[in-house]
PDB file of N, CA and C in Angstrom:
ATOM      1  N   MET A   1     -16.716   2.986  -4.244  1.00  0.00           N
ATOM      2  CA  MET A   1     -17.377   4.067  -5.085  1.00  0.00           C
ATOM      3  C   MET A   1     -16.394   5.061  -5.727  1.00  0.00           C
ATOM      4  N   LEU A   2     -16.484   5.473  -6.919  1.00  0.00           N
ATOM      5  CA  LEU A   2     -15.609   6.256  -7.742  1.00  0.00           C
ATOM      6  C   LEU A   2     -16.032   7.723  -7.542  1.00  0.00           C
ATOM      7  N   ASN A   3     -15.226   8.719  -7.497  1.00  0.00           N
ATOM      8  CA  ASN A   3     -15.729  10.100  -7.614  1.00  0.00           C
ATOM      9  C   ASN A   3     -14.949  10.836  -8.590  1.00  0.00           C
ATOM     10  N   VAL A   4     -15.556  11.403  -9.534  1.00  0.00           N
ATOM     11  CA  VAL A   4     -14.673  12.092 -10.880  1.00  0.00           C
ATOM     12  C   VAL A   4     -14.699  13.448 -10.474  1.00  0.00           C
ATOM     13  N   ASN A   5     -13.429  14.289 -10.429  1.00  0.00           N
ATOM     14  CA  ASN A   5     -13.226  15.586 -10.289  1.00  0.00           C
ATOM     15  C   ASN A   5     -12.638  15.974 -11.437  1.00  0.00           C
ATOM     16  N   GLU A   6     -13.050  17.356 -11.726  1.00  0.00           N
ATOM     17  CA  GLU A   6     -12.353  18.361 -12.635  1.00  0.00           C
ATOM     18  C   GLU A   6     -12.076  19.727 -12.263  1.00  0.00           C
ATOM     19  N   TYR A   7     -11.021  20.189 -12.558  1.00  0.00           N
ATOM     20  CA  TYR A   7     -10.380  21.462 -12.002  1.00  0.00           C
ATOM     21  C   TYR A   7      -9.815  22.386 -13.262  1.00  0.00           C
ATOM     22  N   PHE A   8      -9.975  23.397 -12.956  1.00  0.00           N
ATOM     23  CA  PHE A   8      -9.087  24.367 -13.943  1.00  0.00           C
ATOM     24  C   PHE A   8      -9.643  24.198 -15.384  1.00  0.00           C
ATOM     25  N   ASP A   9     -10.898  24.519 -15.663  1.00  0.00           N
ATOM     26  CA  ASP A   9     -11.688  24.240 -16.818  1.00  0.00           C
ATOM     27  C   ASP A   9     -11.315  23.005 -17.491  1.00  0.00           C
ATOM     28  N   GLY A  10     -11.345  21.900 -16.976  1.00  0.00           N
ATOM     29  CA  GLY A  10     -10.924  20.620 -17.480  1.00  0.00           C
ATOM     30  C   GLY A  10      -9.584  20.200 -17.759  1.00  0.00           C
ATOM     31  N   GLN A  11      -8.651  21.026 -17.475  1.00  0.00           N
ATOM     32  CA  GLN A  11      -7.047  20.938 -17.587  1.00  0.00           C
ATOM     33  C   GLN A  11      -6.642  19.976 -16.478  1.00  0.00           C
ATOM     34  N   VAL A  12      -7.297  19.582 -15.481  1.00  0.00           N
ATOM     35  CA  VAL A  12      -6.832  18.504 -14.280  1.00  0.00           C
ATOM     36  C   VAL A  12      -8.181  17.892 -14.102  1.00  0.00           C
ATOM     37  N   LYS A  13      -7.881  16.441 -14.197  1.00  0.00           N
ATOM     38  CA  LYS A  13      -9.047  15.526 -14.010  1.00  0.00           C
ATOM     39  C   LYS A  13      -8.592  14.396 -13.072  1.00  0.00           C
ATOM     40  N   SER A  14      -9.376  13.980 -12.271  1.00  0.00           N
ATOM     41  CA  SER A  14      -8.915  12.820 -11.376  1.00  0.00           C
ATOM     42  C   SER A  14     -10.245  12.162 -11.000  1.00  0.00           C
ATOM     43  N   ILE A  15      -9.918  10.819 -10.618  1.00  0.00           N
ATOM     44  CA  ILE A  15     -10.991  10.047  -9.946  1.00  0.00           C
ATOM     45  C   ILE A  15     -10.524   9.563  -8.548  1.00  0.00           C
ATOM     46  N   GLY A  16     -11.466   9.831  -7.569  1.00  0.00           N
ATOM     47  CA  GLY A  16     -11.156   9.683  -6.108  1.00  0.00           C
ATOM     48  C   GLY A  16     -11.847   8.122  -6.063  1.00  0.00           C
ATOM     49  N   PHE A  17     -11.002   7.678  -4.926  1.00  0.00           N
ATOM     50  CA  PHE A  17     -11.310   6.231  -4.444  1.00  0.00           C
ATOM     51  C   PHE A  17     -10.914   6.029  -3.020  1.00  0.00           C
ATOM     52  N   VAL A  18     -11.579   5.176  -2.389  1.00  0.00           N
ATOM     53  CA  VAL A  18     -11.104   4.547  -1.056  1.00  0.00           C
ATOM     54  C   VAL A  18     -10.960   2.966  -1.168  1.00  0.00           C
ATOM     55  N   ASP A  19      -9.607   2.780  -0.692  1.00  0.00           N
ATOM     56  CA  ASP A  19      -9.384   1.291  -0.665  1.00  0.00           C
ATOM     57  C   ASP A  19      -8.901   0.948   0.872  1.00  0.00           C
ATOM     58  N   GLY A  20      -8.131  -0.195   0.942  1.00  0.00           N
ATOM     59  CA  GLY A  20      -7.607  -0.588   2.287  1.00  0.00           C
ATOM     60  C   GLY A  20      -6.536   0.237   2.803  1.00  0.00           C
ATOM     61  N   GLN A  21      -6.038   0.981   2.192  1.00  0.00           N
ATOM     62  CA  GLN A  21      -4.883   2.001   2.576  1.00  0.00           C
ATOM     63  C   GLN A  21      -5.448   3.357   2.774  1.00  0.00           C
ATOM     64  N   GLY A  22      -6.684   3.717   2.298  1.00  0.00           N
ATOM     65  CA  GLY A  22      -7.348   5.072   2.669  1.00  0.00           C
ATOM     66  C   GLY A  22      -7.882   5.564   1.572  1.00  0.00           C
ATOM     67  N   LYS A  23      -7.911   7.093   1.449  1.00  0.00           N
ATOM     68  CA  LYS A  23      -8.586   7.769   0.485  1.00  0.00           C
ATOM     69  C   LYS A  23      -7.367   8.343  -0.514  1.00  0.00           C
ATOM     70  N   ALA A  24      -7.598   8.277  -1.879  1.00  0.00           N
ATOM     71  CA  ALA A  24      -6.619   8.634  -2.570  1.00  0.00           C
ATOM     72  C   ALA A  24      -7.434   9.240  -4.174  1.00  0.00           C
ATOM     73  N   THR A  25      -6.676   9.819  -4.816  1.00  0.00           N
ATOM     74  CA  THR A  25      -7.115  10.117  -6.104  1.00  0.00           C
ATOM     75  C   THR A  25      -5.978   9.747  -7.222  1.00  0.00           C
ATOM     76  N   VAL A  26      -6.278   9.574  -8.215  1.00  0.00           N
ATOM     77  CA  VAL A  26      -5.415   9.293  -9.597  1.00  0.00           C
ATOM     78  C   VAL A  26      -5.935   9.912 -10.646  1.00  0.00           C
ATOM     79  N   GLY A  27      -5.131  11.019 -11.445  1.00  0.00           N
ATOM     80  CA  GLY A  27      -5.343  11.776 -12.355  1.00  0.00           C
ATOM     81  C   GLY A  27      -4.240  12.096 -13.303  1.00  0.00           C
ATOM     82  N   VAL A  28      -4.767  13.080 -14.225  1.00  0.00           N
ATOM     83  CA  VAL A  28      -3.767  13.728 -15.131  1.00  0.00           C
ATOM     84  C   VAL A  28      -3.903  15.260 -15.161  1.00  0.00           C
ATOM     85  N   MET A  29      -2.778  15.915 -15.276  1.00  0.00           N
ATOM     86  CA  MET A  29      -2.777  17.377 -15.471  1.00  0.00           C
ATOM     87  C   MET A  29      -2.383  17.582 -16.713  1.00  0.00           C
ATOM     88  N   ALA A  30      -2.869  18.469 -17.530  1.00  0.00           N
ATOM     89  CA  ALA A  30      -2.513  19.063 -19.006  1.00  0.00           C
ATOM     90  C   ALA A  30      -1.517  20.044 -18.523  1.00  0.00           C
ATOM     91  N   ALA A  31      -0.647  20.491 -19.516  1.00  0.00           N
ATOM     92  CA  ALA A  31       0.485  21.473 -19.377  1.00  0.00           C
ATOM     93  C   ALA A  31      -0.082  22.871 -18.903  1.00  0.00           C
ATOM     94  N   GLY A  32       0.410  23.476 -17.790  1.00  0.00           N
ATOM     95  CA  GLY A  32      -0.067  24.775 -17.364  1.00  0.00           C
ATOM     96  C   GLY A  32       0.409  24.976 -15.973  1.00  0.00           C
ATOM     97  N   GLU A  33      -0.049  26.073 -15.361  1.00  0.00           N
ATOM     98  CA  GLU A  33       0.375  26.237 -13.888  1.00  0.00           C
ATOM     99  C   GLU A  33      -0.910  26.484 -13.246  1.00  0.00           C
ATOM    100  N   TYR A  34      -0.715  25.606 -11.878  1.00  0.00           N
ATOM    101  CA  TYR A  34      -2.059  25.426 -11.012  1.00  0.00           C
ATOM    102  C   TYR A  34      -1.468  25.889  -9.674  1.00  0.00           C
ATOM    103  N   THR A  35      -2.628  26.207  -8.806  1.00  0.00           N
ATOM    104  CA  THR A  35      -2.519  26.341  -7.379  1.00  0.00           C
ATOM    105  C   THR A  35      -3.422  25.531  -6.733  1.00  0.00           C
ATOM    106  N   PHE A  36      -3.010  24.653  -5.906  1.00  0.00           N
ATOM    107  CA  PHE A  36      -4.008  23.840  -5.092  1.00  0.00           C
ATOM    108  C   PHE A  36      -3.879  24.029  -3.649  1.00  0.00           C
ATOM    109  N   ASN A  37      -5.229  23.994  -2.945  1.00  0.00           N
ATOM    110  CA  ASN A  37      -5.107  24.126  -1.403  1.00  0.00           C
ATOM    111  C   ASN A  37      -5.506  22.595  -0.923  1.00  0.00           C
ATOM    112  N   THR A  38      -4.764  22.563   0.191  1.00  0.00           N
ATOM    113  CA  THR A  38      -5.188  21.340   0.957  1.00  0.00           C
ATOM    114  C   THR A  38      -5.984  21.398   2.098  1.00  0.00           C
ATOM    115  N   GLY A  39      -6.658  20.572   2.789  1.00  0.00           N
ATOM    116  CA  GLY A  39      -7.246  20.396   3.853  1.00  0.00           C
ATOM    117  C   GLY A  39      -6.487  19.301   4.706  1.00  0.00           C
ATOM    118  N   ALA A  40      -6.249  18.182   4.321  1.00  0.00           N
ATOM    119  CA  ALA A  40      -5.736  17.082   4.875  1.00  0.00           C
ATOM    120  C   ALA A  40      -4.178  16.952   4.331  1.00  0.00           C
ATOM    121  N   PRO A  41      -3.172  16.491   5.155  1.00  0.00           N
ATOM    122  CA  PRO A  41      -1.975  16.312   4.433  1.00  0.00           C
ATOM    123  C   PRO A  41      -2.026  15.461   3.320  1.00  0.00           C
ATOM    124  N   GLU A  42      -1.367  15.485   2.432  1.00  0.00           N
ATOM    125  CA  GLU A  42      -1.177  14.730   1.104  1.00  0.00           C
ATOM    126  C   GLU A  42      -0.007  14.276   0.614  1.00  0.00           C
ATOM    127  N   VAL A  43       0.320  13.228   0.043  1.00  0.00           N
ATOM    128  CA  VAL A  43       1.408  12.608  -0.352  1.00  0.00           C
ATOM    129  C   VAL A  43       1.076  12.410  -1.949  1.00  0.00           C
ATOM    130  N   MET A  44       1.992  13.219  -2.819  1.00  0.00           N
ATOM    131  CA  MET A  44       1.862  13.375  -4.253  1.00  0.00           C
ATOM    132  C   MET A  44       2.795  12.320  -4.823  1.00  0.00           C
ATOM    133  N   VAL A  45       2.527  11.396  -5.695  1.00  0.00           N
ATOM    134  CA  VAL A  45       3.395  10.508  -6.531  1.00  0.00           C
ATOM    135  C   VAL A  45       3.228  10.786  -7.924  1.00  0.00           C
ATOM    136  N   VAL A  46       4.421  11.166  -8.513  1.00  0.00           N
ATOM    137  CA  VAL A  46       4.341  11.214 -10.016  1.00  0.00           C
ATOM    138  C   VAL A  46       4.261   9.907 -10.901  1.00  0.00           C
ATOM    139  N   VAL A  47       3.400   9.697 -11.472  1.00  0.00           N
ATOM    140  CA  VAL A  47       3.098   8.318 -12.089  1.00  0.00           C
ATOM    141  C   VAL A  47       3.929   8.536 -13.464  1.00  0.00           C
ATOM    142  N   ARG A  48       3.710   9.366 -14.284  1.00  0.00           N
ATOM    143  CA  ARG A  48       4.341   9.715 -15.624  1.00  0.00           C
ATOM    144  C   ARG A  48       4.368  11.050 -15.756  1.00  0.00           C
ATOM    145  N   GLY A  49       5.644  11.523 -16.332  1.00  0.00           N
ATOM    146  CA  GLY A  49       5.607  12.826 -16.748  1.00  0.00           C
ATOM    147  C   GLY A  49       6.692  13.581 -15.411  1.00  0.00           C
ATOM    148  N   ALA A  50       6.109  14.786 -15.304  1.00  0.00           N
ATOM    149  CA  ALA A  50       7.025  15.762 -14.250  1.00  0.00           C
ATOM    150  C   ALA A  50       6.139  16.851 -13.649  1.00  0.00           C
ATOM    151  N   LEU A  51       6.294  17.028 -12.317  1.00  0.00           N
ATOM    152  CA  LEU A  51       5.690  18.028 -11.786  1.00  0.00           C
ATOM    153  C   LEU A  51       6.938  19.118 -11.235  1.00  0.00           C
ATOM    154  N   THR A  52       6.774  20.397 -11.427  1.00  0.00           N
ATOM    155  CA  THR A  52       7.652  21.452 -10.804  1.00  0.00           C
ATOM    156  C   THR A  52       6.933  22.013  -9.729  1.00  0.00           C
ATOM    157  N   VAL A  53       7.287  22.037  -8.419  1.00  0.00           N
ATOM    158  CA  VAL A  53       6.432  22.296  -7.389  1.00  0.00           C
ATOM    159  C   VAL A  53       7.092  23.293  -6.432  1.00  0.00           C
ATOM    160  N   GLN A  54       6.131  24.209  -5.936  1.00  0.00           N
ATOM    161  CA  GLN A  54       6.673  25.181  -4.869  1.00  0.00           C
ATOM    162  C   GLN A  54       5.677  25.035  -3.831  1.00  0.00           C
ATOM    163  N   LEU A  55       6.256  24.451  -2.690  1.00  0.00           N
ATOM    164  CA  LEU A  55       5.403  24.334  -1.437  1.00  0.00           C
ATOM    165  C   LEU A  55       5.171  25.627  -0.905  1.00  0.00           C
ATOM    166  N   ALA A  56       3.990  26.062  -0.012  1.00  0.00           N
ATOM    167  CA  ALA A  56       3.689  27.177   0.495  1.00  0.00           C
ATOM    168  C   ALA A  56       4.617  27.861   1.430  1.00  0.00           C
ATOM    169  N   ASP A  57       5.547  27.038   2.033  1.00  0.00           N
ATOM    170  CA  ASP A  57       6.615  27.309   3.088  1.00  0.00           C
ATOM    171  C   ASP A  57       8.080  27.581   2.418  1.00  0.00           C
ATOM    172  N   GLN A  58       7.954  27.326   0.955  1.00  0.00           N
ATOM    173  CA  GLN A  58       9.390  27.304   0.348  1.00  0.00           C
ATOM    174  C   GLN A  58       9.466  28.496  -0.677  1.00  0.00           C
ATOM    175  N   GLU A  59      10.522  29.026  -1.076  1.00  0.00           N
ATOM    176  CA  GLU A  59      10.754  30.054  -1.821  1.00  0.00           C
ATOM    177  C   GLU A  59      11.052  29.361  -3.228  1.00  0.00           C
ATOM    178  N   GLY A  60      11.882  28.366  -3.162  1.00  0.00           N
ATOM    179  CA  GLY A  60      12.368  27.610  -4.621  1.00  0.00           C
ATOM    180  C   GLY A  60      11.260  26.631  -4.862  1.00  0.00           C
ATOM    181  N   TRP A  61      11.641  26.156  -6.226  1.00  0.00           N
ATOM    182  CA  TRP A  61      10.900  25.209  -7.138  1.00  0.00           C
ATOM    183  C   TRP A  61      11.563  23.863  -7.044  1.00  0.00           C
ATOM    184  N   THR A  62      10.898  22.683  -7.120  1.00  0.00           N
ATOM    185  CA  THR A  62      11.671  21.459  -7.070  1.00  0.00           C
ATOM    186  C   THR A  62      10.794  20.527  -8.067  1.00  0.00           C
ATOM    187  N   THR A  63      11.701  19.903  -9.166  1.00  0.00           N
ATOM    188  CA  THR A  63      10.921  19.183  -9.987  1.00  0.00           C
ATOM    189  C   THR A  63      11.124  17.657  -9.652  1.00  0.00           C
ATOM    190  N   TYR A  64       9.704  17.046  -9.668  1.00  0.00           N
ATOM    191  CA  TYR A  64       9.736  15.618  -9.501  1.00  0.00           C
ATOM    192  C   TYR A  64       9.182  14.842 -10.616  1.00  0.00           C
ATOM    193  N   SER A  65       9.975  13.817 -11.017  1.00  0.00           N
ATOM    194  CA  SER A  65       9.632  13.143 -12.293  1.00  0.00           C
ATOM    195  C   SER A  65       9.018  11.657 -11.829  1.00  0.00           C
ATOM    196  N   SER A  66       8.828  10.908 -12.657  1.00  0.00           N
ATOM    197  CA  SER A  66       8.026   9.519 -12.518  1.00  0.00           C
ATOM    198  C   SER A  66       8.761   8.889 -11.521  1.00  0.00           C
ATOM    199  N   GLY A  67       7.936   8.294 -10.639  1.00  0.00           N
ATOM    200  CA  GLY A  67       8.265   7.580  -9.550  1.00  0.00           C
ATOM    201  C   GLY A  67       8.679   8.348  -8.148  1.00  0.00           C
ATOM    202  N   ASP A  68       8.896   9.774  -8.338  1.00  0.00           N
ATOM    203  CA  ASP A  68       9.177  10.584  -7.220  1.00  0.00           C
ATOM    204  C   ASP A  68       7.847  10.813  -6.499  1.00  0.00           C
ATOM    205  N   ARG A  69       8.145  11.221  -5.103  1.00  0.00           N
ATOM    206  CA  ARG A  69       6.953  11.680  -4.289  1.00  0.00           C
ATOM    207  C   ARG A  69       7.294  12.684  -3.488  1.00  0.00           C
ATOM    208  N   PHE A  70       6.387  13.671  -3.002  1.00  0.00           N
ATOM    209  CA  PHE A  70       6.510  14.768  -2.232  1.00  0.00           C
ATOM    210  C   PHE A  70       5.420  14.626  -1.270  1.00  0.00           C
ATOM    211  N   ASP A  71       5.668  15.373  -0.201  1.00  0.00           N
ATOM    212  CA  ASP A  71       4.788  15.584   0.886  1.00  0.00           C
ATOM    213  C   ASP A  71       4.060  17.006   0.864  1.00  0.00           C
ATOM    214  N   VAL A  72       2.616  17.136   0.924  1.00  0.00           N
ATOM    215  CA  VAL A  72       2.192  18.551   1.275  1.00  0.00           C
ATOM    216  C   VAL A  72       1.637  18.508   2.450  1.00  0.00           C
ATOM    217  N   PRO A  73       1.809  19.661   3.309  1.00  0.00           N
ATOM    218  CA  PRO A  73       1.200  19.868   4.634  1.00  0.00           C
ATOM    219  C   PRO A  73      -0.262  20.034   4.469  1.00  0.00           C
ATOM    220  N   GLY A  74      -1.144  19.626   5.463  1.00  0.00           N
ATOM    221  CA  GLY A  74      -2.437  20.075   5.738  1.00  0.00           C
ATOM    222  C   GLY A  74      -2.556  21.432   5.874  1.00  0.00           C
ATOM    223  N   ASN A  75      -3.837  21.900   5.364  1.00  0.00           N
ATOM    224  CA  ASN A  75      -4.343  23.279   5.384  1.00  0.00           C
ATOM    225  C   ASN A  75      -3.080  24.128   4.897  1.00  0.00           C
ATOM    226  N   SER A  76      -2.755  23.835   3.712  1.00  0.00           N
ATOM    227  CA  SER A  76      -1.766  24.743   2.972  1.00  0.00           C
ATOM    228  C   SER A  76      -2.151  24.900   1.626  1.00  0.00           C
ATOM    229  N   SER A  77      -1.099  25.104   0.830  1.00  0.00           N
ATOM    230  CA  SER A  77      -1.329  25.218  -0.632  1.00  0.00           C
ATOM    231  C   SER A  77       0.119  24.942  -1.182  1.00  0.00           C
ATOM    232  N   PHE A  78       0.050  24.517  -2.669  1.00  0.00           N
ATOM    233  CA  PHE A  78       1.063  24.365  -3.441  1.00  0.00           C
ATOM    234  C   PHE A  78       0.836  24.800  -4.800  1.00  0.00           C
ATOM    235  N   ARG A  79       2.032  25.510  -5.403  1.00  0.00           N
ATOM    236  CA  ARG A  79       1.948  25.715  -6.897  1.00  0.00           C
ATOM    237  C   ARG A  79       2.695  24.584  -7.637  1.00  0.00           C
ATOM    238  N   LEU A  80       2.209  24.368  -9.018  1.00  0.00           N
ATOM    239  CA  LEU A  80       2.747  23.447  -9.938  1.00  0.00           C
ATOM    240  C   LEU A  80       2.799  24.113 -11.212  1.00  0.00           C
ATOM    241  N   GLN A  81       3.941  23.711 -11.906  1.00  0.00           N
ATOM    242  CA  GLN A  81       4.323  23.977 -13.231  1.00  0.00           C
ATOM    243  C   GLN A  81       4.287  22.714 -14.037  1.00  0.00           C
ATOM    244  N   VAL A  82       3.621  22.546 -14.903  1.00  0.00           N
ATOM    245  CA  VAL A  82       3.511  21.242 -15.610  1.00  0.00           C
ATOM    246  C   VAL A  82       3.823  21.519 -17.246  1.00  0.00           C
ATOM    247  N   LYS A  83       4.895  21.022 -17.506  1.00  0.00           N
ATOM    248  CA  LYS A  83       5.321  21.407 -19.198  1.00  0.00           C
ATOM    249  C   LYS A  83       4.707  20.518 -20.036  1.00  0.00           C
ATOM    250  N   GLU A  84       4.264  19.063 -19.629  1.00  0.00           N
ATOM    251  CA  GLU A  84       3.631  18.178 -20.545  1.00  0.00           C
ATOM    252  C   GLU A  84       2.745  17.501 -19.536  1.00  0.00           C
ATOM    253  N   SER A  85       1.645  16.790 -20.389  1.00  0.00           N
ATOM    254  CA  SER A  85       0.611  16.220 -19.392  1.00  0.00           C
ATOM    255  C   SER A  85       1.404  15.156 -18.465  1.00  0.00           C
ATOM    256  N   THR A  86       0.833  15.133 -17.480  1.00  0.00           N
ATOM    257  CA  THR A  86       1.432  14.220 -16.387  1.00  0.00           C
ATOM    258  C   THR A  86       0.510  13.645 -15.514  1.00  0.00           C
ATOM    259  N   ALA A  87       0.736  12.369 -15.207  1.00  0.00           N
ATOM    260  CA  ALA A  87       0.010  11.533 -14.340  1.00  0.00           C
ATOM    261  C   ALA A  87       0.308  11.383 -13.024  1.00  0.00           C
ATOM    262  N   TYR A  88      -0.548  11.479 -12.059  1.00  0.00           N
ATOM    263  CA  TYR A  88      -0.221  11.322 -10.479  1.00  0.00           C
ATOM    264  C   TYR A  88      -1.123  10.637  -9.782  1.00  0.00           C
ATOM    265  N   LEU A  89      -0.756  10.310  -8.516  1.00  0.00           N
ATOM    266  CA  LEU A  89      -1.432   9.762  -7.424  1.00  0.00           C
ATOM    267  C   LEU A  89      -1.264  10.587  -6.328  1.00  0.00           C
ATOM    268  N   CYS A  90      -2.433  11.030  -5.658  1.00  0.00           N
ATOM    269  CA  CYS A  90      -2.539  11.778  -4.460  1.00  0.00           C
ATOM    270  C   CYS A  90      -3.088  10.835  -3.281  1.00  0.00           C
ATOM    271  N   GLU A  91      -2.136  10.565  -2.183  1.00  0.00           N
ATOM    272  CA  GLU A  91      -2.654   9.976  -1.063  1.00  0.00           C
ATOM    273  C   GLU A  91      -3.127  10.831  -0.003  1.00  0.00           C
ATOM    274  N   TYR A  92      -4.080  10.696   0.697  1.00  0.00           N
ATOM    275  CA  TYR A  92      -4.444  11.530   1.671  1.00  0.00           C
ATOM    276  C   TYR A  92      -4.211  10.706   3.146  1.00  0.00           C
ATOM    277  N   GLU A  93      -3.585  11.574   3.960  1.00  0.00           N
ATOM    278  CA  GLU A  93      -3.298  11.015   5.281  1.00  0.00           C
ATOM    279  C   GLU A  93      -4.446  11.424   6.307  1.00  0.00           C
TER     280      GLU A  93
END
């Protein structure tokens, strides 16, 4: 079953699903700045475009491009700067 999600007045849209590897979402973020909160740990994979990320426990920002991945701790938050529409895959652990 697919679950459609929309955040930040439609600027971020995703489709959630479960497969043999577990729970995941795939989506697109329009240009902008966003803050997300997490429950479970997440692995974010940039499919196309780039995300500039600041994790809750870090002072600096890191840019991840197509094919890059980063881990987000559970019960945390992370900030994103998106310069152009970017596709991503989020895998929940």
